[in-house]
């Protein structure tokens, strides 16, 4: 078993002495950025009256900082701790992609396999087009279909099996693999692929391959597991009178690979380390490289209100957004589901990353994530961001 993550500021003060070519400015140490970020984090959350949140900053295989804020439920006293479980929403896609990539590298199936081999009931309006859809297209959102096709039925608590027949009334607007359109229903078909290819349920794959070996002791899959956790965050939505707790919806849990994972910030410290290569016995360099190889461009993300000031190119790999910034790349994914927000991002070059979990549907998570990463790679300054936030 791998030791659990630390829960305090890292000792020492290793400074990154590298000098950037452009501007010849010395990069700040991760520890300095982390301390500035903590002040910024608390400042913004207090301004927005966010009920509760947690974050972790990791430098390669070391936790630099892990901290929490607020309460699990507005109006109650129970604080958010490093073991409070949150819904990860679409950050769950990084787990599905990781499991699938490990299995593909074990030759349990091939990225080029036709999806209908595993899900024969899937058919588009033009059946011949269904035969062009490959397994890799599910995880890269490159099916060619309109974004978020039939998500509204997930929100009506219909299982994926009941939604599939509806795809027979639509066709992709481009050849699979050629254009980007974010999906939840189609993405979740990877669960059926994994089950058919291995004979092992998706939930078991996550537990055996990730949760147990990475000592992600609070992590789970599904609504029942979330509700069974005694130390869990309540979802909150904003009203005219502030943040209000709401019931935990089952909706997107029905698309488990797309939005079904639950985890604490302690768990996510381990997950971030693994994604940055700290545990090659769990995620090998080859698997990480495959996941973070661009499958399709996502040019519309060049206009994102937060990232547009920093990124030079945007694409999607397998379960990960890929943002190019000079000679570095930001590996990123965000999640948003009723009452929760989550974000994970890391610098591919510096191997420094951050995870933020929040029990409120606030866009402030985007500002926090992007400004920390920009600061780490020398493209922004948290001090200025903090000053601007005070105005």
Protein backbone atom coordinates (compact mmCIF):
# COMPACT_ATOMS: atom_id res chain seq x y z
CA UNK A 1 0.00 0.00 0.00
CA UNK A 2 1.14 3.51 -0.76
CA UNK A 3 1.38 5.89 2.15
CA UNK A 4 -1.39 8.45 2.39
CA UNK A 5 -0.85 12.08 1.48
CA UNK A 6 0.59 14.57 3.95
CA UNK A 7 -1.74 17.27 5.22
CA UNK A 8 0.50 20.21 5.96
CA UNK A 9 2.90 22.63 4.33
CA UNK A 10 5.94 20.75 3.04
CA UNK A 11 9.17 21.24 4.95
CA UNK A 12 12.10 22.97 3.41
CA UNK A 13 11.88 25.54 0.67
CA UNK A 14 13.31 24.08 -2.49
CA UNK A 15 13.55 26.94 -4.91
CA UNK A 16 13.28 26.36 -8.63
CA UNK A 17 16.46 28.06 -9.91
CA UNK A 18 15.56 27.68 -13.56
CA UNK A 19 15.56 30.88 -15.56
CA UNK A 20 12.93 31.36 -18.22
CA UNK A 21 14.25 32.15 -21.69
CA UNK A 22 11.62 34.83 -22.23
CA UNK A 23 12.20 37.71 -19.88
CA UNK A 24 14.99 35.93 -17.94
CA UNK A 25 12.89 35.92 -14.78
CA UNK A 26 13.55 33.45 -12.00
CA UNK A 27 10.59 31.16 -11.37
CA UNK A 28 9.13 31.22 -7.88
CA UNK A 29 9.36 28.11 -5.76
CA UNK A 30 6.23 25.98 -5.55
CA UNK A 31 6.11 26.66 -1.82
CA UNK A 32 5.93 30.42 -2.35
CA UNK A 33 3.18 30.06 -4.95
CA UNK A 34 1.30 27.68 -2.66
CA UNK A 35 1.32 30.13 0.25
CA UNK A 36 0.13 32.94 -2.00
CA UNK A 37 -2.54 30.65 -3.39
CA UNK A 38 -3.84 29.80 0.08
CA UNK A 39 -4.47 33.47 0.79
CA UNK A 40 -6.12 33.92 -2.61
CA UNK A 41 -8.23 30.77 -2.10
CA UNK A 42 -9.58 31.95 1.26
CA UNK A 43 -10.10 35.48 0.01
CA UNK A 44 -12.24 34.45 -2.98
CA UNK A 45 -14.23 31.83 -1.10
CA UNK A 46 -15.03 34.30 1.66
CA UNK A 47 -16.09 36.91 -0.90
CA UNK A 48 -18.40 34.42 -2.60
CA UNK A 49 -19.62 32.98 0.72
CA UNK A 50 -18.81 29.47 -0.54
CA UNK A 51 -20.00 26.86 2.01
CA UNK A 52 -17.02 24.52 1.78
CA UNK A 53 -14.03 23.50 -0.30
CA UNK A 54 -10.66 21.77 -0.24
CA UNK A 55 -7.50 21.89 -2.31
CA UNK A 56 -4.18 20.11 -2.67
CA UNK A 57 -1.00 21.24 -4.43
CA UNK A 58 1.47 18.55 -5.50
CA UNK A 59 5.06 18.88 -6.70
CA UNK A 60 5.94 15.63 -8.50
CA UNK A 61 5.44 13.06 -5.72
CA UNK A 62 5.22 15.45 -2.77
CA UNK A 63 2.21 17.21 -1.27
CA UNK A 64 3.25 20.85 -0.87
CA UNK A 65 -0.03 22.01 0.65
CA UNK A 66 -3.41 20.51 1.48
CA UNK A 67 -6.05 22.64 3.11
CA UNK A 68 -9.79 22.90 3.64
CA UNK A 69 -12.34 25.66 4.06
CA UNK A 70 -15.79 25.97 5.55
CA UNK A 71 -18.47 23.42 6.32
CA UNK A 72 -19.96 20.36 4.70
CA UNK A 73 -23.45 21.89 4.80
CA UNK A 74 -24.50 25.51 5.10
CA UNK A 75 -26.04 26.14 8.51
CA UNK A 76 -24.37 23.13 10.12
CA UNK A 77 -21.15 22.95 12.14
CA UNK A 78 -19.42 19.90 10.65
CA UNK A 79 -16.27 21.21 8.94
CA UNK A 80 -14.84 20.09 5.64
CA UNK A 81 -11.84 17.88 6.37
CA UNK A 82 -9.19 16.31 4.17
CA UNK A 83 -11.35 13.15 4.18
CA UNK A 84 -14.67 14.81 3.30
CA UNK A 85 -16.06 13.15 0.17
CA UNK A 86 -17.17 15.30 -2.78
CA UNK A 87 -18.68 14.41 -6.12
CA UNK A 88 -16.03 14.72 -8.84
CA UNK A 89 -18.56 15.17 -11.67
CA UNK A 90 -16.72 15.14 -15.02
CA UNK A 91 -13.31 14.77 -13.39
CA UNK A 92 -14.56 11.15 -13.24
CA UNK A 93 -13.66 10.96 -16.93
CA UNK A 94 -9.98 10.91 -16.01
CA UNK A 95 -10.60 7.66 -14.10
CA UNK A 96 -12.49 6.04 -16.96
CA UNK A 97 -9.82 7.04 -19.47
CA UNK A 98 -7.04 5.82 -17.20
CA UNK A 99 -8.69 2.42 -16.68
CA UNK A 100 -9.40 2.05 -20.40
CA UNK A 101 -5.88 3.04 -21.40
CA UNK A 102 -4.31 0.56 -18.97
CA UNK A 103 -6.54 -2.19 -20.39
CA UNK A 104 -5.81 -1.20 -23.98
CA UNK A 105 -2.09 -1.42 -23.25
CA UNK A 106 -2.73 -4.86 -21.79
CA UNK A 107 -4.30 -5.71 -25.19
CA UNK A 108 -7.72 -6.43 -23.73
CA UNK A 109 -9.12 -4.41 -26.65
CA UNK A 110 -7.86 -1.92 -29.23
CA UNK A 111 -8.54 1.78 -29.62
CA UNK A 112 -9.44 1.04 -33.23
CA UNK A 113 -12.10 -1.52 -32.28
CA UNK A 114 -15.58 -0.64 -33.49
CA UNK A 115 -17.86 0.36 -30.63
CA UNK A 116 -20.68 -1.77 -32.06
CA UNK A 117 -18.55 -4.84 -31.36
CA UNK A 118 -19.23 -4.23 -27.67
CA UNK A 119 -22.47 -2.24 -27.87
CA UNK A 120 -24.33 -3.74 -30.85
CA UNK A 121 -27.53 -1.87 -29.98
CA UNK A 122 -25.88 1.47 -30.84
CA UNK A 123 -26.96 2.73 -34.25
CA UNK A 124 -27.05 6.15 -35.88
CA UNK A 125 -29.71 7.28 -38.37
CA UNK A 126 -27.36 6.09 -41.09
CA UNK A 127 -26.31 2.66 -39.76
CA UNK A 128 -23.11 2.60 -41.82
CA UNK A 129 -21.86 5.60 -39.85
CA UNK A 130 -22.20 3.64 -36.60
CA UNK A 131 -19.60 1.22 -37.95
CA UNK A 132 -17.04 4.05 -38.15
CA UNK A 133 -17.20 4.86 -34.44
CA UNK A 134 -14.11 3.52 -32.65
CA UNK A 135 -13.50 3.02 -28.92
CA UNK A 136 -10.98 5.88 -28.87
CA UNK A 137 -13.66 8.25 -30.22
CA UNK A 138 -15.74 7.72 -27.07
CA UNK A 139 -12.98 8.91 -24.74
CA UNK A 140 -11.85 11.81 -26.93
CA UNK A 141 -15.34 13.24 -27.57
CA UNK A 142 -14.71 12.90 -31.30
CA UNK A 143 -17.80 10.92 -32.32
CA UNK A 144 -18.89 13.79 -34.55
CA UNK A 145 -22.24 14.17 -32.78
CA UNK A 146 -23.75 17.39 -31.48
CA UNK A 147 -22.26 18.24 -28.06
CA UNK A 148 -24.02 16.77 -25.01
CA UNK A 149 -26.34 14.64 -27.11
CA UNK A 150 -29.28 13.46 -24.98
CA UNK A 151 -27.83 14.72 -21.69
CA UNK A 152 -31.33 16.01 -20.95
CA UNK A 153 -32.48 12.41 -20.56
CA UNK A 154 -29.71 11.75 -18.05
CA UNK A 155 -31.08 14.71 -16.11
CA UNK A 156 -34.47 12.95 -16.17
CA UNK A 157 -32.80 9.98 -14.45
CA UNK A 158 -32.94 7.66 -17.46
CA UNK A 159 -30.21 5.01 -17.58
CA UNK A 160 -27.87 4.94 -20.56
CA UNK A 161 -29.46 1.71 -21.83
CA UNK A 162 -32.79 3.53 -22.20
CA UNK A 163 -31.20 6.48 -24.00
CA UNK A 164 -29.23 4.48 -26.57
CA UNK A 165 -32.18 3.81 -28.94
CA UNK A 166 -32.58 7.56 -29.44
CA UNK A 167 -29.25 7.77 -31.28
CA UNK A 168 -30.92 6.02 -34.22
CA UNK A 169 -32.61 9.32 -35.07
CA UNK A 170 -29.41 11.39 -35.47
CA UNK A 171 -26.19 11.29 -37.47
CA UNK A 172 -22.71 12.70 -36.79
CA UNK A 173 -22.13 16.06 -38.48
CA UNK A 174 -18.55 15.06 -39.29
CA UNK A 175 -16.64 11.81 -39.66
CA UNK A 176 -15.74 10.25 -36.28
CA UNK A 177 -12.30 11.37 -35.17
CA UNK A 178 -12.43 14.62 -37.12
CA UNK A 179 -14.28 17.06 -34.86
CA UNK A 180 -14.95 17.64 -31.19
CA UNK A 181 -18.30 17.44 -29.42
CA UNK A 182 -18.37 16.87 -25.66
CA UNK A 183 -20.43 13.83 -24.66
CA UNK A 184 -21.61 12.12 -21.47
CA UNK A 185 -23.89 9.36 -22.73
CA UNK A 186 -21.55 8.14 -25.47
CA UNK A 187 -18.49 8.54 -23.25
CA UNK A 188 -20.11 6.21 -20.73
CA UNK A 189 -20.28 3.37 -23.25
CA UNK A 190 -16.67 2.67 -22.27
CA UNK A 191 -18.17 0.88 -19.24
CA UNK A 192 -19.76 -1.69 -21.54
CA UNK A 193 -16.56 -2.01 -23.55
CA UNK A 194 -14.56 -2.74 -20.38
CA UNK A 195 -17.14 -5.22 -19.07
CA UNK A 196 -17.35 -7.13 -22.36
CA UNK A 197 -13.59 -7.10 -23.00
CA UNK A 198 -12.51 -8.21 -19.52
CA UNK A 199 -15.50 -9.81 -17.81
CA UNK A 200 -14.78 -7.54 -14.83
CA UNK A 201 -17.26 -4.77 -13.88
CA UNK A 202 -16.12 -1.18 -14.28
CA UNK A 203 -16.53 -0.49 -10.54
CA UNK A 204 -14.23 -3.40 -9.73
CA UNK A 205 -11.63 -2.20 -12.22
CA UNK A 206 -11.47 1.20 -10.49
CA UNK A 207 -11.19 -0.32 -7.04
CA UNK A 208 -8.56 -2.93 -7.91
CA UNK A 209 -6.44 -0.81 -10.22
CA UNK A 210 -6.63 2.61 -8.58
CA UNK A 211 -8.50 3.04 -5.31
CA UNK A 212 -6.76 0.21 -3.44
CA UNK A 213 -3.17 0.44 -4.75
CA UNK A 214 -3.15 4.24 -4.42
CA UNK A 215 -4.65 4.11 -0.91
CA UNK A 216 -7.60 6.24 -2.03
CA UNK A 217 -9.50 5.13 1.05
CA UNK A 218 -12.44 7.53 0.72
CA UNK A 219 -12.99 7.04 -3.02
CA UNK A 220 -16.00 5.23 -4.44
CA UNK A 221 -18.30 4.99 -7.43
CA UNK A 222 -22.01 5.75 -7.51
CA UNK A 223 -24.86 7.41 -5.65
CA UNK A 224 -25.31 4.66 -3.06
CA UNK A 225 -21.64 4.80 -2.06
CA UNK A 226 -21.73 8.58 -1.79
CA UNK A 227 -24.81 8.54 0.42
CA UNK A 228 -23.23 5.84 2.60
CA UNK A 229 -20.22 8.04 3.39
CA UNK A 230 -20.61 9.58 6.85
CA UNK A 231 -18.18 12.40 6.06
CA UNK A 232 -19.63 13.77 2.84
CA UNK A 233 -20.22 17.28 1.50
CA UNK A 234 -23.74 18.44 0.72
CA UNK A 235 -24.43 20.05 -2.67
CA UNK A 236 -25.39 23.74 -2.73
CA UNK A 237 -27.03 25.97 -5.34
CA UNK A 238 -27.21 29.75 -5.25
CA UNK A 239 -30.47 31.53 -4.55
CA UNK A 240 -31.44 35.12 -3.90
CA UNK A 241 -30.69 34.47 -0.24
CA UNK A 242 -27.31 32.85 -0.80
CA UNK A 243 -26.22 29.24 -1.01
CA UNK A 244 -28.86 26.64 -0.24
CA UNK A 245 -28.21 22.90 0.31
CA UNK A 246 -30.12 20.59 -2.03
CA UNK A 247 -30.59 16.84 -2.27
CA UNK A 248 -27.98 14.70 -4.00
CA UNK A 249 -29.31 13.90 -7.46
CA UNK A 250 -28.80 10.51 -9.09
CA UNK A 251 -28.93 11.87 -12.65
CA UNK A 252 -25.31 11.89 -13.84
CA UNK A 253 -24.42 8.95 -11.61
CA UNK A 254 -26.30 6.93 -14.25
CA UNK A 255 -23.41 7.69 -16.60
CA UNK A 256 -20.78 6.37 -14.20
CA UNK A 257 -17.63 6.74 -16.36
CA UNK A 258 -18.62 10.32 -17.20
CA UNK A 259 -19.56 11.55 -13.73
CA UNK A 260 -19.79 8.78 -11.13
CA UNK A 261 -16.65 8.99 -8.96
CA UNK A 262 -16.63 10.34 -5.39
CA UNK A 263 -13.42 11.25 -3.57
CA UNK A 264 -11.82 13.34 -0.84
CA UNK A 265 -8.98 15.78 -1.31
CA UNK A 266 -6.65 13.22 0.31
CA UNK A 267 -7.65 10.75 -2.40
CA UNK A 268 -7.10 13.33 -5.12
CA UNK A 269 -3.58 14.03 -3.89
CA UNK A 270 -2.79 10.42 -4.72
CA UNK A 271 -4.60 10.60 -8.04
CA UNK A 272 -2.68 13.71 -9.08
CA UNK A 273 0.64 12.12 -8.14
CA UNK A 274 -0.23 9.07 -10.23
CA UNK A 275 -1.17 11.18 -13.25
CA UNK A 276 2.15 13.00 -13.02
CA UNK A 277 4.06 9.71 -13.07
CA UNK A 278 4.81 9.10 -9.38
CA UNK A 279 3.37 5.57 -9.42
CA UNK A 280 4.48 3.87 -12.65
CA UNK A 281 3.30 0.51 -11.35
CA UNK A 282 -0.25 1.97 -11.47
CA UNK A 283 0.03 4.30 -14.46
CA UNK A 284 3.08 3.70 -16.62
CA UNK A 285 4.77 6.49 -18.58
CA UNK A 286 3.45 4.87 -21.76
CA UNK A 287 -0.14 4.93 -20.49
CA UNK A 288 0.14 8.57 -19.41
CA UNK A 289 1.67 9.50 -22.76
CA UNK A 290 -1.16 7.79 -24.62
CA UNK A 291 -3.87 9.53 -22.56
CA UNK A 292 -2.25 12.93 -23.09
CA UNK A 293 -1.69 12.54 -26.83
CA UNK A 294 -4.06 14.89 -28.63
CA UNK A 295 -6.84 13.11 -30.54
CA UNK A 296 -8.82 16.17 -31.61
CA UNK A 297 -8.50 19.96 -31.58
CA UNK A 298 -10.85 21.98 -29.37
CA UNK A 299 -10.35 25.45 -30.78
CA UNK A 300 -13.43 26.85 -29.06
CA UNK A 301 -11.58 26.51 -25.75
CA UNK A 302 -9.09 29.08 -26.97
CA UNK A 303 -11.86 31.57 -26.15
CA UNK A 304 -12.46 30.40 -22.57
CA UNK A 305 -12.71 33.48 -20.37
CA UNK A 306 -10.02 32.23 -17.96
CA UNK A 307 -7.56 30.28 -20.11
CA UNK A 308 -7.64 32.43 -23.27
CA UNK A 309 -5.00 34.81 -21.93
CA UNK A 310 -2.49 31.98 -21.54
CA UNK A 311 -2.96 29.14 -24.01
CA UNK A 312 -1.61 28.82 -27.54
CA UNK A 313 -3.50 25.69 -28.56
CA UNK A 314 -6.30 23.54 -27.14
CA UNK A 315 -7.07 19.88 -27.72
CA UNK A 316 -8.46 16.76 -26.09
CA UNK A 317 -6.69 13.48 -25.48
CA UNK A 318 -8.37 10.56 -23.70
CA UNK A 319 -10.33 11.93 -20.74
CA UNK A 320 -8.09 15.02 -20.49
CA UNK A 321 -8.08 18.55 -21.91
CA UNK A 322 -4.69 19.56 -23.27
CA UNK A 323 -3.69 23.24 -23.30
CA UNK A 324 -0.38 24.29 -24.87
CA UNK A 325 1.42 27.23 -23.25
CA UNK A 326 4.77 27.97 -24.89
CA UNK A 327 6.99 24.93 -24.37
CA UNK A 328 4.70 23.49 -21.68
CA UNK A 329 1.27 21.89 -21.63
CA UNK A 330 -1.47 22.08 -19.05
CA UNK A 331 -3.24 18.77 -18.53
CA UNK A 332 -6.67 19.71 -17.21
CA UNK A 333 -10.23 18.65 -16.52
CA UNK A 334 -13.11 20.30 -14.74
CA UNK A 335 -16.37 18.95 -13.39
CA UNK A 336 -19.75 20.47 -12.66
CA UNK A 337 -22.86 18.66 -11.51
CA UNK A 338 -25.81 19.76 -9.38
CA UNK A 339 -24.29 21.49 -6.34
CA UNK A 340 -20.65 20.53 -6.87
CA UNK A 341 -17.59 21.76 -8.76
CA UNK A 342 -14.21 20.05 -9.19
CA UNK A 343 -11.01 20.84 -11.08
CA UNK A 344 -7.64 19.17 -11.61
CA UNK A 345 -4.72 20.62 -13.57
CA UNK A 346 -0.99 20.15 -13.80
CA UNK A 347 2.02 21.44 -15.71
CA UNK A 348 3.41 18.64 -17.85
CA UNK A 349 6.89 20.17 -17.84
CA UNK A 350 7.19 21.22 -14.20
CA UNK A 351 5.14 18.32 -12.79
CA UNK A 352 3.30 20.64 -10.43
CA UNK A 353 -0.45 20.39 -10.12
CA UNK A 354 -3.55 21.31 -8.18
CA UNK A 355 -6.93 19.80 -7.35
CA UNK A 356 -9.85 21.83 -6.00
CA UNK A 357 -13.14 20.38 -4.74
CA UNK A 358 -16.13 22.58 -3.89
CA UNK A 359 -19.65 21.93 -2.61
CA UNK A 360 -21.16 24.86 -4.52
CA UNK A 361 -21.82 25.63 -8.18
CA UNK A 362 -19.45 28.60 -8.32
CA UNK A 363 -17.33 29.69 -11.27
CA UNK A 364 -14.70 30.91 -8.82
CA UNK A 365 -13.07 27.49 -9.13
CA UNK A 366 -11.97 28.39 -12.67
CA UNK A 367 -10.23 31.57 -11.49
CA UNK A 368 -8.49 29.71 -8.68
CA UNK A 369 -7.25 26.87 -10.91
CA UNK A 370 -6.09 28.96 -13.84
CA UNK A 371 -4.38 31.63 -11.75
CA UNK A 372 -2.40 29.07 -9.77
CA UNK A 373 -1.26 27.21 -12.89
CA UNK A 374 -0.43 30.46 -14.69
CA UNK A 375 1.64 31.53 -11.70
CA UNK A 376 3.51 28.21 -11.61
CA UNK A 377 4.46 28.35 -15.29
CA UNK A 378 5.46 32.00 -15.17
CA UNK A 379 2.50 33.38 -17.12
CA UNK A 380 0.65 35.11 -14.30
CA UNK A 381 0.97 36.46 -10.79
CA UNK A 382 -1.19 35.49 -7.86
CA UNK A 383 -0.30 38.66 -6.01
CA UNK A 384 -1.87 40.76 -8.76
CA UNK A 385 -4.88 38.42 -8.91
CA UNK A 386 -5.38 38.84 -5.18
CA UNK A 387 -5.17 42.60 -5.49
CA UNK A 388 -7.70 42.60 -8.32
CA UNK A 389 -10.07 40.39 -6.30
CA UNK A 390 -10.09 42.94 -3.48
CA UNK A 391 -11.37 45.69 -5.72
